[in-house]
Protein backbone atom coordinates (compact mmCIF):
# COMPACT_ATOMS: atom_id res chain seq x y z
CA MET A 1 0.00 0.00 0.00
CA ILE A 2 1.16 3.51 -0.82
CA ILE A 3 -0.14 6.71 0.75
CA PHE A 4 0.61 9.81 -1.29
CA GLY A 5 0.36 13.08 0.64
CA LEU A 6 0.20 16.11 -1.63
CA GLY A 7 1.83 19.47 -1.06
CA ASN A 8 4.35 21.91 -2.46
CA PRO A 9 8.09 21.44 -1.86
CA GLY A 10 10.15 23.95 0.10
CA ILE A 11 10.17 25.61 3.51
CA LYS A 12 8.17 28.54 2.13
CA TYR A 13 5.09 26.28 1.94
CA ARG A 14 5.60 24.24 5.13
CA TRP A 15 2.50 25.25 7.14
CA THR A 16 0.33 26.38 4.24
CA ARG A 17 -3.13 24.94 3.73
CA HIS A 18 -2.12 23.39 0.40
CA ASN A 19 0.51 21.32 2.24
CA THR A 20 -1.98 19.50 4.42
CA GLY A 21 -1.16 16.20 2.68
CA PHE A 22 2.52 16.60 3.64
CA ILE A 23 1.55 17.60 7.19
CA PHE A 24 -0.66 14.49 7.49
CA LEU A 25 2.21 12.20 6.42
CA ASP A 26 4.58 13.94 8.82
CA HIS A 27 2.18 13.11 11.67
CA ILE A 28 1.99 9.46 10.61
CA ALA A 29 5.80 9.27 10.42
CA LYS A 30 6.08 10.80 13.88
CA ARG A 31 3.52 8.35 15.31
CA TYR A 32 5.41 5.35 13.89
CA ARG A 33 8.84 6.88 14.63
CA ILE A 34 10.05 6.67 11.06
CA LYS A 35 12.01 9.15 8.94
CA PHE A 36 11.61 10.31 5.36
CA ARG A 37 14.44 9.68 2.93
CA SER A 38 14.95 11.54 -0.33
CA TYR A 39 14.64 9.88 -3.73
CA PRO A 40 14.57 11.48 -7.18
CA GLY A 41 11.29 13.41 -7.28
CA TYR A 42 9.89 12.43 -3.87
CA LYS A 43 10.48 11.72 -0.20
CA GLN A 44 9.52 8.35 1.26
CA ALA A 45 9.13 6.70 4.64
CA ILE A 46 8.09 3.07 5.17
CA ILE A 47 5.93 1.67 7.97
CA LYS A 48 6.50 -2.03 8.59
CA LYS A 49 3.13 -3.48 9.54
CA ASN A 50 1.93 -7.09 9.45
CA GLU A 51 4.86 -8.19 7.29
CA GLN A 52 3.99 -5.65 4.61
CA GLY A 53 5.25 -2.15 4.13
CA ILE A 54 3.10 0.94 3.89
CA ARG A 55 4.94 3.53 1.85
CA LEU A 56 4.37 7.19 2.67
CA ILE A 57 5.30 9.35 -0.31
CA LYS A 58 5.53 13.13 -0.67
CA PRO A 59 5.89 14.11 -4.35
CA LEU A 60 8.45 16.91 -4.66
CA LEU A 61 7.01 18.57 -7.74
CA PHE A 62 4.53 21.38 -7.28
CA MET A 63 0.94 20.40 -6.58
CA ASN A 64 -0.31 20.71 -10.16
CA ARG A 65 2.39 18.27 -11.33
CA SER A 66 1.89 15.60 -8.62
CA GLY A 67 0.57 13.11 -11.17
CA ILE A 68 4.01 12.81 -12.77
CA VAL A 69 5.50 11.42 -9.54
CA VAL A 70 2.47 9.27 -8.68
CA SER A 71 2.42 7.63 -12.13
CA ARG A 72 6.19 7.09 -12.05
CA VAL A 73 6.05 5.39 -8.63
CA LEU A 74 3.06 3.22 -9.60
CA GLU A 75 4.60 2.32 -12.97
CA ASN A 76 7.48 0.50 -11.28
CA GLU A 77 5.44 -1.14 -8.54
CA PRO A 78 1.69 -1.00 -9.15
CA GLU A 79 0.02 -1.20 -5.75
CA ASP A 80 -3.11 -0.10 -3.99
CA PHE A 81 -2.78 3.53 -3.07
CA LEU A 82 -4.52 6.38 -1.30
CA VAL A 83 -4.14 10.13 -1.84
CA ILE A 84 -4.30 12.70 0.98
CA VAL A 85 -5.18 16.29 -0.02
CA ASP A 86 -6.43 19.59 1.34
CA ASP A 87 -9.99 20.64 0.47
CA ILE A 88 -10.93 24.32 0.28
CA ASN A 89 -14.62 23.39 -0.02
CA LEU A 90 -14.64 21.57 3.32
CA PRO A 91 -14.46 23.43 6.65
CA LEU A 92 -11.40 23.02 8.84
CA GLY A 93 -12.13 20.20 11.28
CA ARG A 94 -13.88 17.96 8.73
CA LEU A 95 -12.68 15.03 6.63
CA ARG A 96 -14.11 13.23 3.60
CA PHE A 97 -13.05 9.72 2.59
CA ARG A 98 -14.12 8.61 -0.88
CA ALA A 99 -13.38 5.53 -2.97
CA ARG A 100 -13.31 7.53 -6.21
CA GLY A 101 -14.46 10.81 -7.70
CA SER A 102 -13.65 13.89 -9.70
CA ASP A 103 -10.87 16.33 -8.89
CA GLY A 104 -13.39 18.76 -7.37
CA GLY A 105 -11.23 21.63 -8.63
CA HIS A 106 -8.12 20.38 -6.82
CA LEU A 107 -5.13 20.72 -9.16
CA GLY A 108 -3.15 17.93 -7.47
CA LEU A 109 -6.00 15.46 -7.90
CA ARG A 110 -6.52 16.69 -11.46
CA SER A 111 -2.86 16.01 -12.24
CA ILE A 112 -3.10 12.46 -10.84
CA ILE A 113 -6.36 11.73 -12.67
CA GLU A 114 -4.85 12.95 -15.96
CA ALA A 115 -1.60 11.01 -15.45
CA LEU A 116 -3.34 7.75 -14.51
CA GLN A 117 -6.40 8.31 -16.74
CA THR A 118 -8.75 7.21 -13.98
CA GLU A 119 -10.75 8.67 -11.10
CA ASP A 120 -10.91 5.24 -9.44
CA PHE A 121 -8.67 5.64 -6.43
CA PRO A 122 -9.42 6.42 -2.78
CA ARG A 123 -8.75 9.87 -1.45
CA LEU A 124 -8.90 11.50 1.94
CA ARG A 125 -9.83 15.18 1.73
CA ILE A 126 -8.93 17.33 4.73
CA GLY A 127 -10.94 20.50 5.19
CA VAL A 128 -8.95 23.72 5.31
CA ALA A 129 -11.71 26.30 4.74
CA ASN A 130 -12.52 29.15 7.12
CA GLN A 131 -15.08 31.98 7.02
CA GLU A 132 -12.95 34.03 4.59
CA SER A 133 -12.75 31.24 2.05
CA ILE A 134 -16.33 30.03 2.54
CA GLY A 135 -17.59 33.59 2.00
CA ARG A 136 -15.31 33.86 -1.05
CA THR A 137 -13.83 37.13 0.25
CA ILE A 138 -10.33 35.89 -0.58
CA ASP A 139 -8.87 34.47 -3.79
CA SER A 140 -8.75 30.64 -3.67
CA ALA A 141 -5.13 30.39 -4.85
CA GLU A 142 -4.05 33.01 -2.32
CA PHE A 143 -6.00 31.25 0.42
CA VAL A 144 -4.54 27.75 -0.08
CA LEU A 145 -1.04 29.23 -0.06
CA SER A 146 -1.70 31.04 3.23
CA ARG A 147 -0.43 29.66 6.51
CA PHE A 148 -2.60 28.18 9.22
CA GLU A 149 -3.11 30.42 12.24
CA ASN A 150 -2.05 28.96 15.61
CA GLN A 151 -5.63 28.15 16.67
CA GLU A 152 -6.24 26.48 13.29
CA LYS A 153 -3.07 24.40 13.70
CA GLU A 154 -4.51 22.93 16.90
CA ILE A 155 -7.73 21.94 15.12
CA LEU A 156 -5.72 20.54 12.21
CA LYS A 157 -3.56 18.42 14.53
CA GLU A 158 -6.65 17.01 16.21
CA VAL A 159 -8.38 16.21 12.93
CA ILE A 160 -5.20 14.63 11.56
CA ASN A 161 -4.95 12.35 14.60
CA LYS A 162 -8.56 11.23 14.03
CA GLY A 163 -7.80 10.83 10.32
CA ILE A 164 -4.83 8.59 11.08
CA LYS A 165 -7.08 6.44 13.25
CA GLY A 166 -9.48 6.26 10.29
CA ILE A 167 -6.69 5.15 7.96
CA GLU A 168 -5.72 2.44 10.47
CA ILE A 169 -9.38 1.30 10.46
CA TYR A 170 -9.20 1.22 6.65
CA PHE A 171 -6.21 -1.13 6.73
CA ALA A 172 -7.63 -3.35 9.47
CA GLN A 173 -11.37 -3.41 8.73
CA GLY A 174 -11.87 -2.14 5.19
CA PHE A 175 -13.11 0.89 3.33
CA GLU A 176 -16.74 1.06 4.50
CA LYS A 177 -15.96 1.06 8.24
CA ALA A 178 -13.21 3.63 7.71
CA GLN A 179 -15.49 5.82 5.61
CA ASN A 180 -18.21 5.76 8.26
CA PHE A 181 -15.71 6.71 10.96
CA ILE A 182 -13.82 9.36 8.98
CA ASN A 183 -16.81 11.10 7.44
CA SER A 184 -18.46 11.50 10.85
CA ILE A 185 -15.50 13.46 12.29
CA LYS A 186 -16.25 17.07 13.14
CA ILE A 187 -13.89 19.14 15.24
CA ASP A 188 -14.67 22.77 16.08
């Protein structure tokens, strides 16, 4: 199994909303006490679980080119995979787990869908929206590249911890149980 967490490379983007996929993978790595290593085009950490490895991969191309890395990794070793992304249409504190679907306007998902020529892959969307973005009083591109405020970081950490539990349910008990758990999460 491979979990791709999407984001933009570089310190400049570290705590931006668009890097929520990277942040999620960093929390998993911390929980399992593993480190990321650099490879051409991506960073990877491996969780050893039940005699199989779960690969955590952060593509190191910008968000709208993520599909290049995803297709390259899957070309060499086709495996089941999951994509973790931010979602500007979902409020901070909410998660959505889906087995398939459109890109929903997310350029990282669009890149993956175009590269793989399929929408049939699970994705975990992590809400990053606040009142400014919901009210459309700020440009979407500007908003996703903005940093989380300290109070928002606390909510994000809590929702990520619940999301990790949901992913563990997915591996242990299957998609439906994980979807029911994950999609019911609401943190204010």
